[in-house]
Amino acid sequence: MIYWAQLLHFYQPPTQVPSMLRRICDESYRPLIQVFEEYPHARATIDISGVLTELLMDCGHKNVLDRLKGLARRGQLEFTGSAMYHPILPLIPKAEIQRQIDLNAHTKRHFFGEAYVPKGFFPPEMCYSQDLLPPLVEAGYNWVILSGVACPAEWPLDVIYKVEHNGEGLMVFFRDDVLS
């Protein structure tokens, strides 16, 4: 069996200008959401940063959030956890790693409510270090996605790697950097 999963990454910096955000919503987010609404059997995992979630709300794009929430309630979309402001987690202090993860989860629970039930974690830029394991395992995540350059062995077509912390396992999925 070959494992393949569609993971979409929605990100805009906190400094994104409202006119550009409107264009991104009109040309990317809304048409993509429409495809999922028209094809109820389509499924995907979505990473949307907490900062973008707030930005969409603040700039009058609540309908994008509401439609994503509706798709998640229907079981078509699964949200991931991440870090609030998209920092490179291995480069910041452990306490700040935890704060970024917690703040992101709090923000997304606020906007998506019970539809926000992340099983996986998207580290910004898919950067990883062992320091990420404790907060991810303790938060109850089941998997993490990493860049393909982090794969320690032959490219995994029929195996899912795992890492452990205190006896708890976390599945590791690798993005195919070439196809992606």
N, C-alpha and C. Protein backbone atom coordinates (compact mmCIF):
# COMPACT_ATOMS: atom_id res chain seq x y z
N MET A 1 0.84 -1.18 0.00
CA MET A 1 0.00 0.00 0.00
C MET A 1 0.88 1.25 0.00
N ILE A 2 0.50 2.23 -0.76
CA ILE A 2 1.19 3.51 -0.78
C ILE A 2 0.36 4.51 0.00
N TYR A 3 1.02 5.25 0.89
CA TYR A 3 0.33 6.25 1.68
C TYR A 3 0.43 7.61 0.99
N TRP A 4 -0.70 8.28 0.85
CA TRP A 4 -0.74 9.60 0.25
C TRP A 4 -1.82 10.39 0.96
N ALA A 5 -1.53 11.60 1.28
CA ALA A 5 -2.52 12.45 1.93
C ALA A 5 -2.37 13.87 1.40
N GLN A 6 -3.51 14.53 1.27
CA GLN A 6 -3.50 15.92 0.81
C GLN A 6 -3.52 16.85 2.01
N LEU A 7 -2.49 17.65 2.13
CA LEU A 7 -2.41 18.64 3.21
C LEU A 7 -2.22 20.00 2.56
N LEU A 8 -3.13 20.91 2.88
CA LEU A 8 -3.08 22.26 2.32
C LEU A 8 -2.63 23.22 3.41
N HIS A 9 -1.75 24.12 3.05
CA HIS A 9 -1.17 25.06 4.02
C HIS A 9 -1.63 26.47 3.66
N PHE A 10 -2.43 27.07 4.56
CA PHE A 10 -2.91 28.44 4.38
C PHE A 10 -2.08 29.32 5.31
N TYR A 11 -1.37 30.27 4.74
CA TYR A 11 -0.60 31.18 5.59
C TYR A 11 -0.50 32.55 4.92
N GLN A 12 -0.63 33.57 5.74
CA GLN A 12 -0.32 34.94 5.35
C GLN A 12 0.35 35.58 6.55
N PRO A 13 1.31 36.44 6.33
CA PRO A 13 1.99 37.08 7.47
C PRO A 13 1.04 38.05 8.17
N PRO A 14 1.30 38.34 9.43
CA PRO A 14 0.44 39.27 10.16
C PRO A 14 0.46 40.68 9.59
N THR A 15 1.42 40.96 8.74
CA THR A 15 1.54 42.29 8.13
C THR A 15 0.88 42.36 6.74
N GLN A 16 0.19 41.29 6.35
CA GLN A 16 -0.43 41.28 5.02
C GLN A 16 -1.43 42.43 4.89
N VAL A 17 -1.36 43.15 3.79
CA VAL A 17 -2.26 44.28 3.58
C VAL A 17 -3.66 43.78 3.22
N PRO A 18 -4.70 44.46 3.70
CA PRO A 18 -6.07 43.99 3.47
C PRO A 18 -6.44 43.79 2.00
N SER A 19 -5.95 44.66 1.11
CA SER A 19 -6.29 44.51 -0.31
C SER A 19 -5.71 43.21 -0.88
N MET A 20 -4.51 42.85 -0.46
CA MET A 20 -3.90 41.60 -0.93
C MET A 20 -4.62 40.39 -0.32
N LEU A 21 -4.99 40.49 0.94
CA LEU A 21 -5.72 39.40 1.59
C LEU A 21 -7.06 39.17 0.89
N ARG A 22 -7.74 40.24 0.52
CA ARG A 22 -9.02 40.11 -0.19
C ARG A 22 -8.79 39.38 -1.52
N ARG A 23 -7.74 39.75 -2.22
CA ARG A 23 -7.43 39.10 -3.50
C ARG A 23 -7.12 37.60 -3.29
N ILE A 24 -6.36 37.29 -2.27
CA ILE A 24 -6.03 35.89 -1.97
C ILE A 24 -7.30 35.10 -1.64
N CYS A 25 -8.17 35.72 -0.85
CA CYS A 25 -9.45 35.05 -0.53
C CYS A 25 -10.27 34.80 -1.79
N ASP A 26 -10.36 35.81 -2.66
CA ASP A 26 -11.19 35.70 -3.87
C ASP A 26 -10.60 34.76 -4.91
N GLU A 27 -9.27 34.72 -5.00
CA GLU A 27 -8.64 33.92 -6.06
C GLU A 27 -8.18 32.54 -5.60
N SER A 28 -8.10 32.34 -4.29
CA SER A 28 -7.57 31.07 -3.81
C SER A 28 -8.50 30.40 -2.80
N TYR A 29 -8.67 31.02 -1.64
CA TYR A 29 -9.40 30.37 -0.56
C TYR A 29 -10.85 30.06 -0.92
N ARG A 30 -11.60 31.06 -1.41
CA ARG A 30 -13.02 30.83 -1.71
C ARG A 30 -13.22 29.81 -2.84
N PRO A 31 -12.46 29.89 -3.96
CA PRO A 31 -12.64 28.87 -5.00
C PRO A 31 -12.30 27.45 -4.50
N LEU A 32 -11.28 27.33 -3.68
CA LEU A 32 -10.92 26.03 -3.13
C LEU A 32 -12.03 25.50 -2.23
N ILE A 33 -12.54 26.35 -1.37
CA ILE A 33 -13.64 25.96 -0.48
C ILE A 33 -14.84 25.53 -1.31
N GLN A 34 -15.12 26.25 -2.39
CA GLN A 34 -16.25 25.91 -3.26
C GLN A 34 -16.11 24.50 -3.83
N VAL A 35 -14.90 24.11 -4.20
CA VAL A 35 -14.68 22.76 -4.72
C VAL A 35 -15.08 21.73 -3.67
N PHE A 36 -14.66 21.93 -2.43
CA PHE A 36 -15.03 20.99 -1.37
C PHE A 36 -16.54 20.98 -1.14
N GLU A 37 -17.16 22.14 -1.21
CA GLU A 37 -18.61 22.20 -1.02
C GLU A 37 -19.36 21.49 -2.14
N GLU A 38 -18.83 21.55 -3.36
CA GLU A 38 -19.47 20.90 -4.51
C GLU A 38 -19.20 19.40 -4.55
N TYR A 39 -18.13 18.94 -3.91
CA TYR A 39 -17.77 17.53 -3.93
C TYR A 39 -17.70 17.02 -2.50
N PRO A 40 -18.83 16.60 -1.93
CA PRO A 40 -18.89 16.24 -0.52
C PRO A 40 -18.05 15.01 -0.13
N HIS A 41 -17.55 14.27 -1.11
CA HIS A 41 -16.69 13.13 -0.77
C HIS A 41 -15.21 13.51 -0.74
N ALA A 42 -14.90 14.73 -1.16
CA ALA A 42 -13.50 15.20 -1.14
C ALA A 42 -13.06 15.45 0.30
N ARG A 43 -11.83 15.09 0.61
CA ARG A 43 -11.29 15.24 1.95
C ARG A 43 -9.89 15.85 1.86
N ALA A 44 -9.52 16.58 2.90
CA ALA A 44 -8.17 17.14 2.98
C ALA A 44 -7.88 17.54 4.42
N THR A 45 -6.63 17.70 4.69
CA THR A 45 -6.17 18.26 5.96
C THR A 45 -5.69 19.66 5.66
N ILE A 46 -6.02 20.59 6.57
CA ILE A 46 -5.67 21.99 6.33
C ILE A 46 -4.91 22.56 7.52
N ASP A 47 -3.81 23.19 7.20
CA ASP A 47 -3.11 24.00 8.20
C ASP A 47 -3.43 25.44 7.90
N ILE A 48 -4.06 26.11 8.86
CA ILE A 48 -4.30 27.54 8.76
C ILE A 48 -3.79 28.13 10.07
N SER A 49 -2.83 29.01 9.96
CA SER A 49 -2.21 29.55 11.17
C SER A 49 -3.20 30.38 11.97
N GLY A 50 -2.98 30.46 13.26
CA GLY A 50 -3.81 31.28 14.13
C GLY A 50 -3.77 32.74 13.72
N VAL A 51 -2.61 33.21 13.29
CA VAL A 51 -2.50 34.62 12.90
C VAL A 51 -3.33 34.89 11.64
N LEU A 52 -3.38 33.96 10.71
CA LEU A 52 -4.22 34.14 9.53
C LEU A 52 -5.70 34.05 9.91
N THR A 53 -6.03 33.17 10.82
CA THR A 53 -7.41 33.07 11.28
C THR A 53 -7.88 34.42 11.83
N GLU A 54 -7.08 35.02 12.68
CA GLU A 54 -7.42 36.34 13.23
C GLU A 54 -7.48 37.41 12.13
N LEU A 55 -6.53 37.36 11.22
CA LEU A 55 -6.47 38.34 10.14
C LEU A 55 -7.71 38.26 9.25
N LEU A 56 -8.15 37.05 8.94
CA LEU A 56 -9.36 36.89 8.13
C LEU A 56 -10.56 37.52 8.83
N MET A 57 -10.68 37.27 10.11
CA MET A 57 -11.79 37.83 10.86
C MET A 57 -11.69 39.36 10.91
N ASP A 58 -10.52 39.87 11.23
CA ASP A 58 -10.34 41.32 11.36
C ASP A 58 -10.55 42.07 10.05
N CYS A 59 -10.30 41.40 8.92
CA CYS A 59 -10.41 42.07 7.62
C CYS A 59 -11.74 41.77 6.91
N GLY A 60 -12.70 41.21 7.65
CA GLY A 60 -14.03 41.03 7.07
C GLY A 60 -14.23 39.77 6.24
N HIS A 61 -13.42 38.75 6.47
CA HIS A 61 -13.54 37.51 5.71
C HIS A 61 -14.03 36.37 6.61
N LYS A 62 -14.95 36.69 7.51
CA LYS A 62 -15.52 35.69 8.42
C LYS A 62 -16.15 34.53 7.64
N ASN A 63 -16.70 34.85 6.45
CA ASN A 63 -17.34 33.78 5.67
C ASN A 63 -16.35 32.68 5.27
N VAL A 64 -15.09 33.03 5.07
CA VAL A 64 -14.07 32.01 4.77
C VAL A 64 -13.93 31.08 5.97
N LEU A 65 -13.85 31.66 7.16
CA LEU A 65 -13.73 30.86 8.38
C LEU A 65 -14.98 30.02 8.60
N ASP A 66 -16.15 30.62 8.40
CA ASP A 66 -17.40 29.88 8.59
C ASP A 66 -17.52 28.71 7.63
N ARG A 67 -17.12 28.91 6.41
CA ARG A 67 -17.20 27.83 5.41
C ARG A 67 -16.20 26.72 5.73
N LEU A 68 -15.00 27.08 6.17
CA LEU A 68 -14.03 26.06 6.59
C LEU A 68 -14.57 25.27 7.77
N LYS A 69 -15.16 25.98 8.72
CA LYS A 69 -15.75 25.34 9.89
C LYS A 69 -16.86 24.38 9.47
N GLY A 70 -17.70 24.79 8.54
CA GLY A 70 -18.76 23.93 8.04
C GLY A 70 -18.23 22.67 7.39
N LEU A 71 -17.18 22.81 6.60
CA LEU A 71 -16.57 21.64 5.96
C LEU A 71 -15.95 20.70 6.99
N ALA A 72 -15.36 21.27 8.03
CA ALA A 72 -14.80 20.44 9.10
C ALA A 72 -15.91 19.70 9.84
N ARG A 73 -17.02 20.37 10.10
CA ARG A 73 -18.16 19.70 10.76
C ARG A 73 -18.70 18.56 9.92
N ARG A 74 -18.66 18.71 8.59
CA ARG A 74 -19.13 17.66 7.69
C ARG A 74 -18.13 16.52 7.55
N GLY A 75 -16.96 16.68 8.15
CA GLY A 75 -15.94 15.64 8.07
C GLY A 75 -15.08 15.71 6.83
N GLN A 76 -15.17 16.79 6.07
CA GLN A 76 -14.36 16.90 4.86
C GLN A 76 -12.98 17.47 5.12
N LEU A 77 -12.88 18.32 6.12
CA LEU A 77 -11.60 18.93 6.44
C LEU A 77 -11.19 18.58 7.85
N GLU A 78 -9.90 18.35 8.02
CA GLU A 78 -9.31 18.17 9.34
C GLU A 78 -8.27 19.26 9.50
N PHE A 79 -8.35 19.98 10.59
CA PHE A 79 -7.36 21.02 10.87
C PHE A 79 -6.13 20.43 11.55
N THR A 80 -4.99 21.06 11.34
CA THR A 80 -3.79 20.69 12.07
C THR A 80 -3.53 21.72 13.16
N GLY A 81 -2.70 21.35 14.10
CA GLY A 81 -2.14 22.30 15.04
C GLY A 81 -0.91 22.92 14.41
N SER A 82 -0.46 24.03 14.95
CA SER A 82 0.76 24.68 14.48
C SER A 82 1.19 25.70 15.52
N ALA A 83 1.95 26.68 15.09
CA ALA A 83 2.40 27.76 15.96
C ALA A 83 1.71 29.05 15.52
N MET A 84 1.33 29.86 16.46
CA MET A 84 0.51 31.03 16.22
C MET A 84 1.06 31.97 15.15
N TYR A 85 2.30 32.39 15.29
CA TYR A 85 2.87 33.41 14.40
C TYR A 85 3.89 32.84 13.40
N HIS A 86 3.83 31.53 13.20
CA HIS A 86 4.66 30.87 12.18
C HIS A 86 6.17 31.01 12.43
N PRO A 87 6.63 30.93 13.70
CA PRO A 87 8.07 31.02 13.94
C PRO A 87 8.76 29.70 13.59
N ILE A 88 10.03 29.77 13.35
CA ILE A 88 10.82 28.56 13.14
C ILE A 88 11.05 27.97 14.54
N LEU A 89 10.27 26.99 14.91
CA LEU A 89 10.23 26.50 16.28
C LEU A 89 11.58 26.03 16.84
N PRO A 90 12.40 25.30 16.08
CA PRO A 90 13.68 24.87 16.65
C PRO A 90 14.64 26.02 17.00
N LEU A 91 14.35 27.23 16.53
CA LEU A 91 15.24 28.36 16.78
C LEU A 91 14.80 29.25 17.94
N ILE A 92 13.70 28.89 18.59
CA ILE A 92 13.22 29.73 19.70
C ILE A 92 13.28 28.94 21.00
N PRO A 93 13.26 29.61 22.15
CA PRO A 93 13.33 28.92 23.44
C PRO A 93 12.15 27.96 23.65
N LYS A 94 12.39 26.91 24.42
CA LYS A 94 11.37 25.89 24.67
C LYS A 94 10.08 26.49 25.21
N ALA A 95 10.18 27.44 26.12
CA ALA A 95 8.98 28.06 26.69
C ALA A 95 8.19 28.80 25.60
N GLU A 96 8.88 29.40 24.66
CA GLU A 96 8.19 30.11 23.58
C GLU A 96 7.58 29.13 22.58
N ILE A 97 8.22 27.98 22.38
CA ILE A 97 7.63 26.93 21.54
C ILE A 97 6.26 26.56 22.12
N GLN A 98 6.25 26.29 23.41
CA GLN A 98 5.00 25.90 24.08
C GLN A 98 3.96 27.02 23.98
N ARG A 99 4.37 28.26 24.20
CA ARG A 99 3.45 29.38 24.14
C ARG A 99 2.85 29.54 22.75
N GLN A 100 3.67 29.40 21.72
CA GLN A 100 3.19 29.52 20.34
C GLN A 100 2.15 28.43 20.01
N ILE A 101 2.43 27.21 20.44
CA ILE A 101 1.52 26.09 20.19
C ILE A 101 0.20 26.31 20.94
N ASP A 102 0.30 26.69 22.21
CA ASP A 102 -0.90 26.91 23.02
C ASP A 102 -1.73 28.08 22.50
N LEU A 103 -1.08 29.17 22.14
CA LEU A 103 -1.79 30.34 21.64
C LEU A 103 -2.51 30.02 20.33
N ASN A 104 -1.85 29.28 19.46
CA ASN A 104 -2.47 28.88 18.20
C ASN A 104 -3.71 28.02 18.46
N ALA A 105 -3.59 27.05 19.35
CA ALA A 105 -4.73 26.17 19.66
C ALA A 105 -5.89 26.96 20.26
N HIS A 106 -5.57 27.87 21.18
CA HIS A 106 -6.62 28.68 21.81
C HIS A 106 -7.34 29.54 20.76
N THR A 107 -6.59 30.15 19.88
CA THR A 107 -7.17 31.01 18.84
C THR A 107 -8.07 30.21 17.91
N LYS A 108 -7.60 29.06 17.47
CA LYS A 108 -8.39 28.27 16.53
C LYS A 108 -9.61 27.64 17.20
N ARG A 109 -9.50 27.28 18.46
CA ARG A 109 -10.69 26.79 19.18
C ARG A 109 -11.71 27.91 19.30
N HIS A 110 -11.25 29.14 19.51
CA HIS A 110 -12.15 30.28 19.62
C HIS A 110 -12.96 30.46 18.33
N PHE A 111 -12.31 30.39 17.19
CA PHE A 111 -12.99 30.64 15.92
C PHE A 111 -13.69 29.41 15.33
N PHE A 112 -13.13 28.22 15.53
CA PHE A 112 -13.71 27.03 14.92
C PHE A 112 -14.50 26.15 15.89
N GLY A 113 -14.41 26.44 17.17
CA GLY A 113 -15.18 25.70 18.16
C GLY A 113 -14.91 24.21 18.13
N GLU A 114 -15.99 23.42 18.22
CA GLU A 114 -15.86 21.96 18.28
C GLU A 114 -15.38 21.36 16.96
N ALA A 115 -15.36 22.15 15.89
CA ALA A 115 -14.85 21.67 14.60
C ALA A 115 -13.33 21.59 14.59
N TYR A 116 -12.69 22.24 15.56
CA TYR A 116 -11.23 22.22 15.64
C TYR A 116 -10.80 21.08 16.55
N VAL A 117 -10.44 19.95 15.92
CA VAL A 117 -9.99 18.77 16.64
C VAL A 117 -8.75 18.24 15.92
N PRO A 118 -7.63 18.93 16.08
CA PRO A 118 -6.44 18.52 15.32
C PRO A 118 -5.83 17.23 15.84
N LYS A 119 -5.48 16.37 14.90
CA LYS A 119 -4.77 15.14 15.24
C LYS A 119 -3.30 15.26 14.86
N GLY A 120 -3.04 16.15 13.90
CA GLY A 120 -1.69 16.31 13.41
C GLY A 120 -1.16 17.71 13.66
N PHE A 121 0.13 17.85 13.46
CA PHE A 121 0.81 19.11 13.71
C PHE A 121 1.66 19.50 12.51
N PHE A 122 1.54 20.75 12.11
CA PHE A 122 2.31 21.32 11.02
C PHE A 122 3.31 22.32 11.60
N PRO A 123 4.58 21.92 11.76
CA PRO A 123 5.55 22.90 12.26
C PRO A 123 5.86 23.90 11.14
N PRO A 124 5.87 25.18 11.45
CA PRO A 124 6.15 26.17 10.41
C PRO A 124 7.43 25.83 9.63
N GLU A 125 7.29 25.97 8.32
CA GLU A 125 8.37 25.63 7.38
C GLU A 125 8.81 24.17 7.50
N MET A 126 8.02 23.39 8.20
CA MET A 126 8.29 21.96 8.43
C MET A 126 9.64 21.73 9.09
N CYS A 127 10.06 22.68 9.91
CA CYS A 127 11.34 22.57 10.63
C CYS A 127 11.13 21.78 11.91
N TYR A 128 12.09 20.95 12.23
CA TYR A 128 11.94 20.01 13.33
C TYR A 128 13.21 19.92 14.16
N SER A 129 13.01 19.70 15.44
CA SER A 129 14.09 19.32 16.35
C SER A 129 13.47 18.47 17.44
N GLN A 130 14.28 17.79 18.21
CA GLN A 130 13.79 16.95 19.31
C GLN A 130 13.01 17.77 20.35
N ASP A 131 13.28 19.08 20.42
CA ASP A 131 12.58 19.94 21.38
C ASP A 131 11.08 20.02 21.10
N LEU A 132 10.66 19.67 19.89
CA LEU A 132 9.23 19.70 19.56
C LEU A 132 8.47 18.51 20.13
N LEU A 133 9.16 17.41 20.36
CA LEU A 133 8.48 16.19 20.81
C LEU A 133 7.69 16.35 22.10
N PRO A 134 8.27 16.85 23.19
CA PRO A 134 7.49 16.93 24.43
C PRO A 134 6.18 17.71 24.30
N PRO A 135 6.18 18.93 23.76
CA PRO A 135 4.90 19.63 23.69
C PRO A 135 3.90 18.98 22.74
N LEU A 136 4.37 18.35 21.67
CA LEU A 136 3.45 17.71 20.73
C LEU A 136 2.82 16.46 21.33
N VAL A 137 3.64 15.64 21.95
CA VAL A 137 3.12 14.42 22.58
C VAL A 137 2.19 14.77 23.74
N GLU A 138 2.60 15.72 24.56
CA GLU A 138 1.78 16.11 25.71
C GLU A 138 0.46 16.75 25.28
N ALA A 139 0.44 17.40 24.13
CA ALA A 139 -0.80 18.00 23.63
C ALA A 139 -1.71 16.96 22.98
N GLY A 140 -1.20 15.74 22.81
CA GLY A 140 -2.03 14.67 22.27
C GLY A 140 -2.05 14.54 20.76
N TYR A 141 -1.10 15.18 20.09
CA TYR A 141 -1.05 15.02 18.64
C TYR A 141 -0.65 13.60 18.30
N ASN A 142 -1.18 13.08 17.18
CA ASN A 142 -0.87 11.73 16.72
C ASN A 142 0.22 11.71 15.66
N TRP A 143 0.35 12.81 14.92
CA TRP A 143 1.32 12.84 13.83
C TRP A 143 1.88 14.24 13.62
N VAL A 144 2.98 14.28 12.91
CA VAL A 144 3.63 15.53 12.53
C VAL A 144 4.07 15.38 11.08
N ILE A 145 4.02 16.47 10.34
CA ILE A 145 4.52 16.45 8.96
C ILE A 145 5.85 17.20 8.91
N LEU A 146 6.79 16.63 8.16
CA LEU A 146 8.12 17.23 8.03
C LEU A 146 8.51 17.27 6.57
N SER A 147 9.43 18.15 6.26
CA SER A 147 9.97 18.22 4.92
C SER A 147 10.67 16.92 4.57
N GLY A 148 10.61 16.56 3.32
CA GLY A 148 11.24 15.32 2.86
C GLY A 148 12.73 15.26 3.12
N VAL A 149 13.40 16.41 3.21
CA VAL A 149 14.84 16.39 3.46
C VAL A 149 15.15 15.84 4.85
N ALA A 150 14.15 15.77 5.73
CA ALA A 150 14.36 15.24 7.08
C ALA A 150 14.23 13.72 7.15
N CYS A 151 13.84 13.09 6.05
CA CYS A 151 13.66 11.63 6.04
C CYS A 151 15.01 10.95 6.24
N PRO A 152 15.12 10.12 7.29
CA PRO A 152 16.42 9.53 7.63
C PRO A 152 16.77 8.27 6.85
N ALA A 153 15.88 7.79 6.02
CA ALA A 153 16.11 6.52 5.34
C ALA A 153 15.58 6.61 3.91
N GLU A 154 15.47 5.45 3.28
CA GLU A 154 14.91 5.41 1.93
C GLU A 154 13.51 6.03 1.94
N TRP A 155 13.13 6.66 0.83
CA TRP A 155 11.85 7.36 0.77
C TRP A 155 10.70 6.41 1.12
N PRO A 156 9.87 6.80 2.09
CA PRO A 156 8.83 5.90 2.61
C PRO A 156 7.59 5.83 1.73
N LEU A 157 7.48 4.74 0.97
CA LEU A 157 6.28 4.54 0.16
C LEU A 157 5.27 3.64 0.87
N ASP A 158 5.76 2.79 1.75
CA ASP A 158 4.84 1.83 2.37
C ASP A 158 5.09 1.68 3.87
N VAL A 159 5.65 2.72 4.47
CA VAL A 159 5.92 2.68 5.91
C VAL A 159 5.67 4.07 6.49
N ILE A 160 5.22 4.09 7.71
CA ILE A 160 5.05 5.35 8.42
C ILE A 160 6.04 5.33 9.57
N TYR A 161 6.95 6.28 9.58
CA TYR A 161 7.95 6.36 10.63
C TYR A 161 7.32 6.88 11.92
N LYS A 162 7.97 6.57 13.04
CA LYS A 162 7.51 7.05 14.34
C LYS A 162 8.70 7.57 15.13
N VAL A 163 8.40 8.56 15.97
CA VAL A 163 9.36 9.03 16.95
C VAL A 163 8.68 8.88 18.30
N GLU A 164 9.48 8.75 19.36
CA GLU A 164 8.90 8.53 20.69
C GLU A 164 9.43 9.53 21.69
N HIS A 165 8.55 9.80 22.67
CA HIS A 165 8.89 10.63 23.82
C HIS A 165 8.17 10.05 25.02
N ASN A 166 8.93 9.66 26.04
CA ASN A 166 8.37 9.06 27.25
C ASN A 166 7.42 7.90 26.95
N GLY A 167 7.79 7.08 25.99
CA GLY A 167 7.00 5.91 25.65
C GLY A 167 5.80 6.19 24.76
N GLU A 168 5.55 7.44 24.45
CA GLU A 168 4.44 7.81 23.57
C GLU A 168 4.97 8.03 22.16
N GLY A 169 4.27 7.48 21.17
CA GLY A 169 4.71 7.59 19.80
C GLY A 169 4.00 8.70 19.03
N LEU A 170 4.70 9.23 18.07
CA LEU A 170 4.17 10.25 17.18
C LEU A 170 4.54 9.81 15.77
N MET A 171 3.52 9.62 14.90
CA MET A 171 3.80 9.24 13.52
C MET A 171 4.41 10.43 12.79
N VAL A 172 5.31 10.13 11.86
CA VAL A 172 5.98 11.17 11.08
C VAL A 172 5.68 10.94 9.61
N PHE A 173 5.07 11.95 9.00
CA PHE A 173 4.82 11.94 7.57
C PHE A 173 5.78 12.92 6.92
N PHE A 174 6.28 12.55 5.75
CA PHE A 174 7.22 13.40 5.04
C PHE A 174 6.59 13.94 3.77
N ARG A 175 6.73 15.24 3.58
CA ARG A 175 6.26 15.85 2.35
C ARG A 175 7.22 15.46 1.23
N ASP A 176 6.66 15.10 0.10
CA ASP A 176 7.49 14.85 -1.07
C ASP A 176 7.87 16.22 -1.62
N ASP A 177 9.07 16.66 -1.32
CA ASP A 177 9.51 18.02 -1.68
C ASP A 177 9.53 18.25 -3.20
N VAL A 178 9.77 17.19 -3.96
CA VAL A 178 9.82 17.34 -5.42
C VAL A 178 8.40 17.53 -5.97
N LEU A 179 7.49 16.64 -5.61
CA LEU A 179 6.12 16.75 -6.11
C LEU A 179 5.38 17.95 -5.52
N SER A 180 5.73 18.29 -4.29
CA SER A 180 5.05 19.40 -3.62
C SER A 180 5.48 20.71 -4.23
